[in-house]
PDB file of N, CA and C in Angstrom:
ATOM      1  N   MET A   1      30.966  -4.289 -72.316  1.00  0.00           N
ATOM      2  CA  MET A   1      31.453  -3.206 -72.024  1.00  0.00           C
ATOM      3  C   MET A   1      29.992  -2.193 -71.955  1.00  0.00           C
ATOM      4  N   ALA A   2      29.817  -1.307 -70.965  1.00  0.00           N
ATOM      5  CA  ALA A   2      28.536  -0.532 -70.764  1.00  0.00           C
ATOM      6  C   ALA A   2      28.976   0.949 -70.783  1.00  0.00           C
ATOM      7  N   GLU A   3      28.024   1.628 -71.590  1.00  0.00           N
ATOM      8  CA  GLU A   3      28.040   3.022 -71.550  1.00  0.00           C
ATOM      9  C   GLU A   3      27.001   4.260 -71.417  1.00  0.00           C
ATOM     10  N   ARG A   4      27.181   5.154 -70.854  1.00  0.00           N
ATOM     11  CA  ARG A   4      26.216   6.305 -70.793  1.00  0.00           C
ATOM     12  C   ARG A   4      27.001   7.805 -71.009  1.00  0.00           C
ATOM     13  N   GLN A   5      26.151   7.911 -71.598  1.00  0.00           N
ATOM     14  CA  GLN A   5      26.151   9.806 -72.063  1.00  0.00           C
ATOM     15  C   GLN A   5      25.377  10.729 -71.156  1.00  0.00           C
ATOM     16  N   VAL A   6      26.068  11.451 -70.673  1.00  0.00           N
ATOM     17  CA  VAL A   6      25.504  12.532 -69.514  1.00  0.00           C
ATOM     18  C   VAL A   6      25.836  13.759 -69.512  1.00  0.00           C
ATOM     19  N   THR A   7      24.922  14.659 -69.303  1.00  0.00           N
ATOM     20  CA  THR A   7      25.024  16.102 -69.167  1.00  0.00           C
ATOM     21  C   THR A   7      25.283  16.438 -68.111  1.00  0.00           C
ATOM     22  N   VAL A   8      26.588  17.211 -67.860  1.00  0.00           N
ATOM     23  CA  VAL A   8      26.892  17.718 -66.438  1.00  0.00           C
ATOM     24  C   VAL A   8      26.032  19.004 -66.151  1.00  0.00           C
ATOM     25  N   GLU A   9      25.358  19.128 -65.120  1.00  0.00           N
ATOM     26  CA  GLU A   9      24.467  19.757 -64.683  1.00  0.00           C
ATOM     27  C   GLU A   9      25.188  20.742 -63.585  1.00  0.00           C
ATOM     28  N   ALA A  10      26.039  20.542 -62.529  1.00  0.00           N
ATOM     29  CA  ALA A  10      26.368  21.180 -61.547  1.00  0.00           C
ATOM     30  C   ALA A  10      27.217  22.515 -62.095  1.00  0.00           C
ATOM     31  N   GLU A  11      26.948  23.548 -61.170  1.00  0.00           N
ATOM     32  CA  GLU A  11      27.296  24.721 -61.812  1.00  0.00           C
ATOM     33  C   GLU A  11      28.842  24.962 -61.833  1.00  0.00           C
ATOM     34  N   VAL A  12      30.005  24.304 -60.997  1.00  0.00           N
ATOM     35  CA  VAL A  12      31.060  24.085 -61.064  1.00  0.00           C
ATOM     36  C   VAL A  12      31.542  22.776 -62.141  1.00  0.00           C
ATOM     37  N   GLY A  13      30.642  22.190 -62.825  1.00  0.00           N
ATOM     38  CA  GLY A  13      30.959  21.183 -63.522  1.00  0.00           C
ATOM     39  C   GLY A  13      31.626  19.951 -62.727  1.00  0.00           C
ATOM     40  N   LEU A  14      32.488  19.331 -63.374  1.00  0.00           N
ATOM     41  CA  LEU A  14      33.098  17.982 -62.727  1.00  0.00           C
ATOM     42  C   LEU A  14      34.104  18.569 -62.051  1.00  0.00           C
ATOM     43  N   HIS A  15      34.165  19.484 -61.280  1.00  0.00           N
ATOM     44  CA  HIS A  15      35.473  19.752 -60.113  1.00  0.00           C
ATOM     45  C   HIS A  15      35.082  19.817 -58.831  1.00  0.00           C
ATOM     46  N   ALA A  16      36.309  19.525 -58.126  1.00  0.00           N
ATOM     47  CA  ALA A  16      36.141  19.876 -56.491  1.00  0.00           C
ATOM     48  C   ALA A  16      35.276  18.632 -55.912  1.00  0.00           C
ATOM     49  N   ARG A  17      34.656  18.917 -55.359  1.00  0.00           N
ATOM     50  CA  ARG A  17      33.718  17.798 -54.386  1.00  0.00           C
ATOM     51  C   ARG A  17      32.779  16.742 -55.592  1.00  0.00           C
ATOM     52  N   PRO A  18      32.492  17.364 -56.835  1.00  0.00           N
ATOM     53  CA  PRO A  18      31.650  16.504 -57.764  1.00  0.00           C
ATOM     54  C   PRO A  18      32.345  15.414 -58.434  1.00  0.00           C
ATOM     55  N   ALA A  19      33.977  15.538 -58.084  1.00  0.00           N
ATOM     56  CA  ALA A  19      34.822  15.117 -58.818  1.00  0.00           C
ATOM     57  C   ALA A  19      35.269  14.108 -57.835  1.00  0.00           C
ATOM     58  N   ALA A  20      35.341  14.423 -57.048  1.00  0.00           N
ATOM     59  CA  ALA A  20      36.232  13.628 -55.601  1.00  0.00           C
ATOM     60  C   ALA A  20      34.973  12.633 -55.219  1.00  0.00           C
ATOM     61  N   THR A  21      34.011  12.994 -55.479  1.00  0.00           N
ATOM     62  CA  THR A  21      32.812  12.126 -55.355  1.00  0.00           C
ATOM     63  C   THR A  21      32.833  11.031 -56.265  1.00  0.00           C
ATOM     64  N   PHE A  22      32.658  11.502 -57.576  1.00  0.00           N
ATOM     65  CA  PHE A  22      32.540  10.352 -58.655  1.00  0.00           C
ATOM     66  C   PHE A  22      34.071   9.486 -58.708  1.00  0.00           C
ATOM     67  N   VAL A  23      34.914   9.954 -58.390  1.00  0.00           N
ATOM     68  CA  VAL A  23      36.464   9.323 -58.253  1.00  0.00           C
ATOM     69  C   VAL A  23      36.226   8.422 -57.449  1.00  0.00           C
ATOM     70  N   GLN A  24      35.626   8.422 -56.049  1.00  0.00           N
ATOM     71  CA  GLN A  24      35.550   7.560 -55.209  1.00  0.00           C
ATOM     72  C   GLN A  24      34.529   6.839 -55.394  1.00  0.00           C
ATOM     73  N   THR A  25      33.484   6.839 -56.080  1.00  0.00           N
ATOM     74  CA  THR A  25      32.763   5.804 -56.370  1.00  0.00           C
ATOM     75  C   THR A  25      32.827   5.021 -57.709  1.00  0.00           C
ATOM     76  N   ALA A  26      33.653   5.327 -58.418  1.00  0.00           N
ATOM     77  CA  ALA A  26      34.289   4.941 -59.652  1.00  0.00           C
ATOM     78  C   ALA A  26      35.432   3.695 -58.674  1.00  0.00           C
ATOM     79  N   ALA A  27      36.253   4.189 -57.821  1.00  0.00           N
ATOM     80  CA  ALA A  27      37.211   3.595 -57.180  1.00  0.00           C
ATOM     81  C   ALA A  27      36.714   2.349 -56.296  1.00  0.00           C
ATOM     82  N   GLU A  28      35.531   2.607 -55.995  1.00  0.00           N
ATOM     83  CA  GLU A  28      34.600   1.536 -55.171  1.00  0.00           C
ATOM     84  C   GLU A  28      34.382   0.125 -55.987  1.00  0.00           C
ATOM     85  N   ALA A  29      34.253   0.542 -56.775  1.00  0.00           N
ATOM     86  CA  ALA A  29      34.019  -0.739 -58.043  1.00  0.00           C
ATOM     87  C   ALA A  29      35.139  -1.568 -58.525  1.00  0.00           C
ATOM     88  N   PRO A  30      35.281  -2.939 -58.532  1.00  0.00           N
ATOM     89  CA  PRO A  30      36.111  -3.945 -59.070  1.00  0.00           C
ATOM     90  C   PRO A  30      35.890  -3.781 -60.712  1.00  0.00           C
ATOM     91  N   LEU A  31      36.021  -2.554 -61.438  1.00  0.00           N
ATOM     92  CA  LEU A  31      35.596  -3.132 -62.350  1.00  0.00           C
ATOM     93  C   LEU A  31      36.666  -1.550 -63.541  1.00  0.00           C
ATOM     94  N   ASP A  32      37.066  -1.736 -64.780  1.00  0.00           N
ATOM     95  CA  ASP A  32      37.635  -0.668 -65.442  1.00  0.00           C
ATOM     96  C   ASP A  32      36.820  -0.151 -65.888  1.00  0.00           C
ATOM     97  N   VAL A  33      36.916   1.800 -65.087  1.00  0.00           N
ATOM     98  CA  VAL A  33      36.113   2.645 -65.613  1.00  0.00           C
ATOM     99  C   VAL A  33      36.645   3.754 -66.230  1.00  0.00           C
ATOM    100  N   THR A  34      36.154   4.043 -67.251  1.00  0.00           N
ATOM    101  CA  THR A  34      36.637   5.093 -67.876  1.00  0.00           C
ATOM    102  C   THR A  34      35.587   6.369 -67.893  1.00  0.00           C
ATOM    103  N   ILE A  35      35.864   7.916 -68.100  1.00  0.00           N
ATOM    104  CA  ILE A  35      35.141   8.866 -68.615  1.00  0.00           C
ATOM    105  C   ILE A  35      36.006   9.693 -69.363  1.00  0.00           C
ATOM    106  N   ALA A  36      35.358  10.067 -70.518  1.00  0.00           N
ATOM    107  CA  ALA A  36      35.546  11.231 -71.532  1.00  0.00           C
ATOM    108  C   ALA A  36      34.714  12.351 -71.957  1.00  0.00           C
ATOM    109  N   LYS A  37      35.391  13.243 -72.061  1.00  0.00           N
ATOM    110  CA  LYS A  37      34.379  14.541 -72.495  1.00  0.00           C
ATOM    111  C   LYS A  37      34.162  14.602 -73.928  1.00  0.00           C
ATOM    112  N   GLY A  38      32.710  14.446 -74.086  1.00  0.00           N
ATOM    113  CA  GLY A  38      32.275  14.383 -75.509  1.00  0.00           C
ATOM    114  C   GLY A  38      33.238  13.163 -76.133  1.00  0.00           C
ATOM    115  N   ALA A  39      33.573  13.419 -77.338  1.00  0.00           N
ATOM    116  CA  ALA A  39      34.286  12.189 -78.251  1.00  0.00           C
ATOM    117  C   ALA A  39      35.793  12.497 -77.838  1.00  0.00           C
ATOM    118  N   GLY A  40      36.474  13.047 -76.831  1.00  0.00           N
ATOM    119  CA  GLY A  40      37.452  12.860 -76.539  1.00  0.00           C
ATOM    120  C   GLY A  40      38.213  11.806 -75.758  1.00  0.00           C
ATOM    121  N   GLN A  41      39.289  11.844 -75.904  1.00  0.00           N
ATOM    122  CA  GLN A  41      40.555  10.577 -75.187  1.00  0.00           C
ATOM    123  C   GLN A  41      39.591   9.851 -74.163  1.00  0.00           C
ATOM    124  N   PRO A  42      39.321   9.049 -73.866  1.00  0.00           N
ATOM    125  CA  PRO A  42      38.731   8.371 -72.206  1.00  0.00           C
ATOM    126  C   PRO A  42      40.102   8.534 -71.187  1.00  0.00           C
ATOM    127  N   VAL A  43      39.628   8.711 -70.292  1.00  0.00           N
ATOM    128  CA  VAL A  43      40.622   8.447 -68.958  1.00  0.00           C
ATOM    129  C   VAL A  43      40.218   8.001 -67.996  1.00  0.00           C
ATOM    130  N   ASN A  44      41.185   7.376 -67.109  1.00  0.00           N
ATOM    131  CA  ASN A  44      40.722   6.671 -65.811  1.00  0.00           C
ATOM    132  C   ASN A  44      39.922   7.288 -64.750  1.00  0.00           C
ATOM    133  N   ALA A  45      38.334   7.075 -64.880  1.00  0.00           N
ATOM    134  CA  ALA A  45      37.632   7.530 -64.118  1.00  0.00           C
ATOM    135  C   ALA A  45      37.894   7.351 -62.129  1.00  0.00           C
ATOM    136  N   LYS A  46      39.297   6.174 -62.218  1.00  0.00           N
ATOM    137  CA  LYS A  46      39.211   6.145 -60.500  1.00  0.00           C
ATOM    138  C   LYS A  46      40.409   7.125 -60.384  1.00  0.00           C
ATOM    139  N   SER A  47      40.691   8.362 -61.211  1.00  0.00           N
ATOM    140  CA  SER A  47      42.064   9.117 -60.771  1.00  0.00           C
ATOM    141  C   SER A  47      41.704  10.348 -60.554  1.00  0.00           C
ATOM    142  N   ILE A  48      41.355  10.730 -59.612  1.00  0.00           N
ATOM    143  CA  ILE A  48      41.047  12.482 -59.322  1.00  0.00           C
ATOM    144  C   ILE A  48      41.839  13.416 -60.389  1.00  0.00           C
ATOM    145  N   LEU A  49      43.211  13.259 -60.549  1.00  0.00           N
ATOM    146  CA  LEU A  49      43.909  14.013 -61.622  1.00  0.00           C
ATOM    147  C   LEU A  49      43.146  13.686 -63.176  1.00  0.00           C
ATOM    148  N   ALA A  50      43.175  12.670 -63.280  1.00  0.00           N
ATOM    149  CA  ALA A  50      42.602  12.326 -64.884  1.00  0.00           C
ATOM    150  C   ALA A  50      41.662  12.912 -64.710  1.00  0.00           C
ATOM    151  N   VAL A  51      40.520  12.924 -63.996  1.00  0.00           N
ATOM    152  CA  VAL A  51      39.016  13.474 -64.193  1.00  0.00           C
ATOM    153  C   VAL A  51      39.152  15.152 -64.354  1.00  0.00           C
ATOM    154  N   LEU A  52      39.763  15.432 -63.407  1.00  0.00           N
ATOM    155  CA  LEU A  52      40.171  16.790 -63.328  1.00  0.00           C
ATOM    156  C   LEU A  52      40.868  17.411 -64.498  1.00  0.00           C
ATOM    157  N   SER A  53      41.883  16.809 -65.239  1.00  0.00           N
ATOM    158  CA  SER A  53      42.350  17.169 -66.456  1.00  0.00           C
ATOM    159  C   SER A  53      41.130  17.451 -67.404  1.00  0.00           C
ATOM    160  N   LEU A  54      40.140  16.828 -67.783  1.00  0.00           N
ATOM    161  CA  LEU A  54      39.320  16.802 -68.662  1.00  0.00           C
ATOM    162  C   LEU A  54      38.261  18.363 -68.818  1.00  0.00           C
ATOM    163  N   ASP A  55      38.576  18.778 -67.419  1.00  0.00           N
ATOM    164  CA  ASP A  55      38.222  20.348 -67.663  1.00  0.00           C
ATOM    165  C   ASP A  55      36.665  20.085 -67.867  1.00  0.00           C
ATOM    166  N   VAL A  56      35.557  19.528 -67.006  1.00  0.00           N
ATOM    167  CA  VAL A  56      34.208  19.285 -67.767  1.00  0.00           C
ATOM    168  C   VAL A  56      33.636  20.486 -66.766  1.00  0.00           C
ATOM    169  N   ARG A  57      32.599  21.250 -67.854  1.00  0.00           N
ATOM    170  CA  ARG A  57      32.478  22.382 -67.189  1.00  0.00           C
ATOM    171  C   ARG A  57      30.541  22.029 -67.472  1.00  0.00           C
ATOM    172  N   LYS A  58      29.893  22.760 -66.656  1.00  0.00           N
ATOM    173  CA  LYS A  58      28.507  22.917 -66.818  1.00  0.00           C
ATOM    174  C   LYS A  58      27.844  22.942 -67.988  1.00  0.00           C
ATOM    175  N   GLY A  59      26.862  21.965 -68.867  1.00  0.00           N
ATOM    176  CA  GLY A  59      26.514  21.432 -69.929  1.00  0.00           C
ATOM    177  C   GLY A  59      27.486  21.049 -70.715  1.00  0.00           C
ATOM    178  N   ASP A  60      28.906  20.895 -70.499  1.00  0.00           N
ATOM    179  CA  ASP A  60      29.004  19.417 -71.243  1.00  0.00           C
ATOM    180  C   ASP A  60      28.767  17.933 -71.346  1.00  0.00           C
ATOM    181  N   ILE A  61      29.207  17.545 -72.219  1.00  0.00           N
ATOM    182  CA  ILE A  61      28.426  15.995 -72.335  1.00  0.00           C
ATOM    183  C   ILE A  61      29.671  15.116 -71.920  1.00  0.00           C
ATOM    184  N   VAL A  62      29.976  13.946 -71.142  1.00  0.00           N
ATOM    185  CA  VAL A  62      30.641  13.037 -70.522  1.00  0.00           C
ATOM    186  C   VAL A  62      30.383  11.895 -71.355  1.00  0.00           C
ATOM    187  N   VAL A  63      30.988  10.874 -71.685  1.00  0.00           N
ATOM    188  CA  VAL A  63      30.914   9.402 -71.918  1.00  0.00           C
ATOM    189  C   VAL A  63      31.482   8.654 -71.030  1.00  0.00           C
ATOM    190  N   ILE A  64      30.659   7.490 -69.926  1.00  0.00           N
ATOM    191  CA  ILE A  64      31.287   6.910 -69.032  1.00  0.00           C
ATOM    192  C   ILE A  64      31.070   5.250 -69.243  1.00  0.00           C
ATOM    193  N   LYS A  65      31.998   4.773 -69.250  1.00  0.00           N
ATOM    194  CA  LYS A  65      32.072   3.467 -69.856  1.00  0.00           C
ATOM    195  C   LYS A  65      32.629   2.446 -68.702  1.00  0.00           C
ATOM    196  N   ALA A  66      32.249   1.423 -68.648  1.00  0.00           N
ATOM    197  CA  ALA A  66      32.399   0.476 -67.364  1.00  0.00           C
ATOM    198  C   ALA A  66      32.552  -1.110 -68.081  1.00  0.00           C
ATOM    199  N   ASP A  67      33.208  -2.197 -67.804  1.00  0.00           N
ATOM    200  CA  ASP A  67      33.500  -3.569 -68.245  1.00  0.00           C
ATOM    201  C   ASP A  67      33.700  -4.310 -66.914  1.00  0.00           C
ATOM    202  N   GLY A  68      32.815  -4.986 -67.016  1.00  0.00           N
ATOM    203  CA  GLY A  68      32.783  -6.286 -66.090  1.00  0.00           C
ATOM    204  C   GLY A  68      31.543  -6.265 -65.492  1.00  0.00           C
ATOM    205  N   ASP A  69      31.344  -7.477 -64.261  1.00  0.00           N
ATOM    206  CA  ASP A  69      29.868  -7.743 -63.921  1.00  0.00           C
ATOM    207  C   ASP A  69      29.442  -6.486 -63.160  1.00  0.00           C
ATOM    208  N   GLY A  70      28.205  -6.196 -63.033  1.00  0.00           N
ATOM    209  CA  GLY A  70      27.626  -5.083 -62.226  1.00  0.00           C
ATOM    210  C   GLY A  70      27.778  -3.847 -63.065  1.00  0.00           C
ATOM    211  N   ALA A  71      28.675  -3.421 -64.131  1.00  0.00           N
ATOM    212  CA  ALA A  71      28.745  -2.207 -64.900  1.00  0.00           C
ATOM    213  C   ALA A  71      27.730  -1.248 -65.221  1.00  0.00           C
ATOM    214  N   ASP A  72      26.447  -1.966 -65.252  1.00  0.00           N
ATOM    215  CA  ASP A  72      25.358  -0.945 -65.264  1.00  0.00           C
ATOM    216  C   ASP A  72      24.919  -0.468 -64.175  1.00  0.00           C
ATOM    217  N   GLU A  73      25.319  -1.044 -63.212  1.00  0.00           N
ATOM    218  CA  GLU A  73      24.776  -0.520 -61.919  1.00  0.00           C
ATOM    219  C   GLU A  73      25.942   0.574 -61.546  1.00  0.00           C
ATOM    220  N   VAL A  74      27.133   0.472 -61.817  1.00  0.00           N
ATOM    221  CA  VAL A  74      28.064   1.618 -61.407  1.00  0.00           C
ATOM    222  C   VAL A  74      27.814   2.711 -62.619  1.00  0.00           C
ATOM    223  N   LEU A  75      27.373   2.681 -63.596  1.00  0.00           N
ATOM    224  CA  LEU A  75      27.283   3.492 -64.510  1.00  0.00           C
ATOM    225  C   LEU A  75      26.295   4.569 -64.084  1.00  0.00           C
ATOM    226  N   ASP A  76      25.274   3.482 -63.754  1.00  0.00           N
ATOM    227  CA  ASP A  76      23.751   4.153 -63.080  1.00  0.00           C
ATOM    228  C   ASP A  76      24.036   5.466 -62.120  1.00  0.00           C
ATOM    229  N   ARG A  77      24.937   4.715 -61.069  1.00  0.00           N
ATOM    230  CA  ARG A  77      25.252   5.657 -59.952  1.00  0.00           C
ATOM    231  C   ARG A  77      26.364   6.845 -60.203  1.00  0.00           C
ATOM    232  N   LEU A  78      27.132   6.619 -61.064  1.00  0.00           N
ATOM    233  CA  LEU A  78      27.924   7.781 -61.810  1.00  0.00           C
ATOM    234  C   LEU A  78      27.157   8.733 -62.717  1.00  0.00           C
ATOM    235  N   ALA A  79      26.592   8.169 -63.246  1.00  0.00           N
ATOM    236  CA  ALA A  79      25.691   9.104 -64.136  1.00  0.00           C
ATOM    237  C   ALA A  79      24.566  10.492 -63.165  1.00  0.00           C
ATOM    238  N   VAL A  80      24.055   9.577 -62.269  1.00  0.00           N
ATOM    239  CA  VAL A  80      23.334  10.796 -61.232  1.00  0.00           C
ATOM    240  C   VAL A  80      24.577  11.192 -60.585  1.00  0.00           C
ATOM    241  N   ILE A  81      25.509  11.069 -60.090  1.00  0.00           N
ATOM    242  CA  ILE A  81      26.811  11.940 -59.879  1.00  0.00           C
ATOM    243  C   ILE A  81      26.880  13.342 -60.840  1.00  0.00           C
ATOM    244  N   ALA A  82      27.031  12.246 -61.834  1.00  0.00           N
ATOM    245  CA  ALA A  82      27.611  13.609 -62.745  1.00  0.00           C
ATOM    246  C   ALA A  82      26.429  14.802 -63.403  1.00  0.00           C
ATOM    247  N   SER A  83      25.407  14.131 -63.289  1.00  0.00           N
ATOM    248  CA  SER A  83      24.422  15.150 -63.970  1.00  0.00           C
ATOM    249  C   SER A  83      23.745  15.741 -62.721  1.00  0.00           C
ATOM    250  N   ALA A  84      24.060  15.691 -61.531  1.00  0.00           N
ATOM    251  CA  ALA A  84      23.413  16.342 -60.272  1.00  0.00           C
ATOM    252  C   ALA A  84      23.595  17.771 -60.417  1.00  0.00           C
ATOM    253  N   PRO A  85      22.646  18.589 -60.125  1.00  0.00           N
ATOM    254  CA  PRO A  85      22.949  20.183 -60.179  1.00  0.00           C
ATOM    255  C   PRO A  85      23.858  20.986 -59.171  1.00  0.00           C
TER     256      PRO A  85
END
């Protein structure tokens, strides 16, 4: 299991377009991928509704986890998306 902690920098947080890009990238990976807001309950990072339900705003810290071969690479891509201004 690999993990990244990322501070969300987008003005809109992880909503709308950033969330869609995040979910699409996670869905392309043949791995289990989750995202949590801070120390909260993790949700399926491949579900747009689950990601939007976290209500992630600018400045929030998210924890992204992935399990399987290539987890670090997937997490690196997702961290870039989540931290993009």
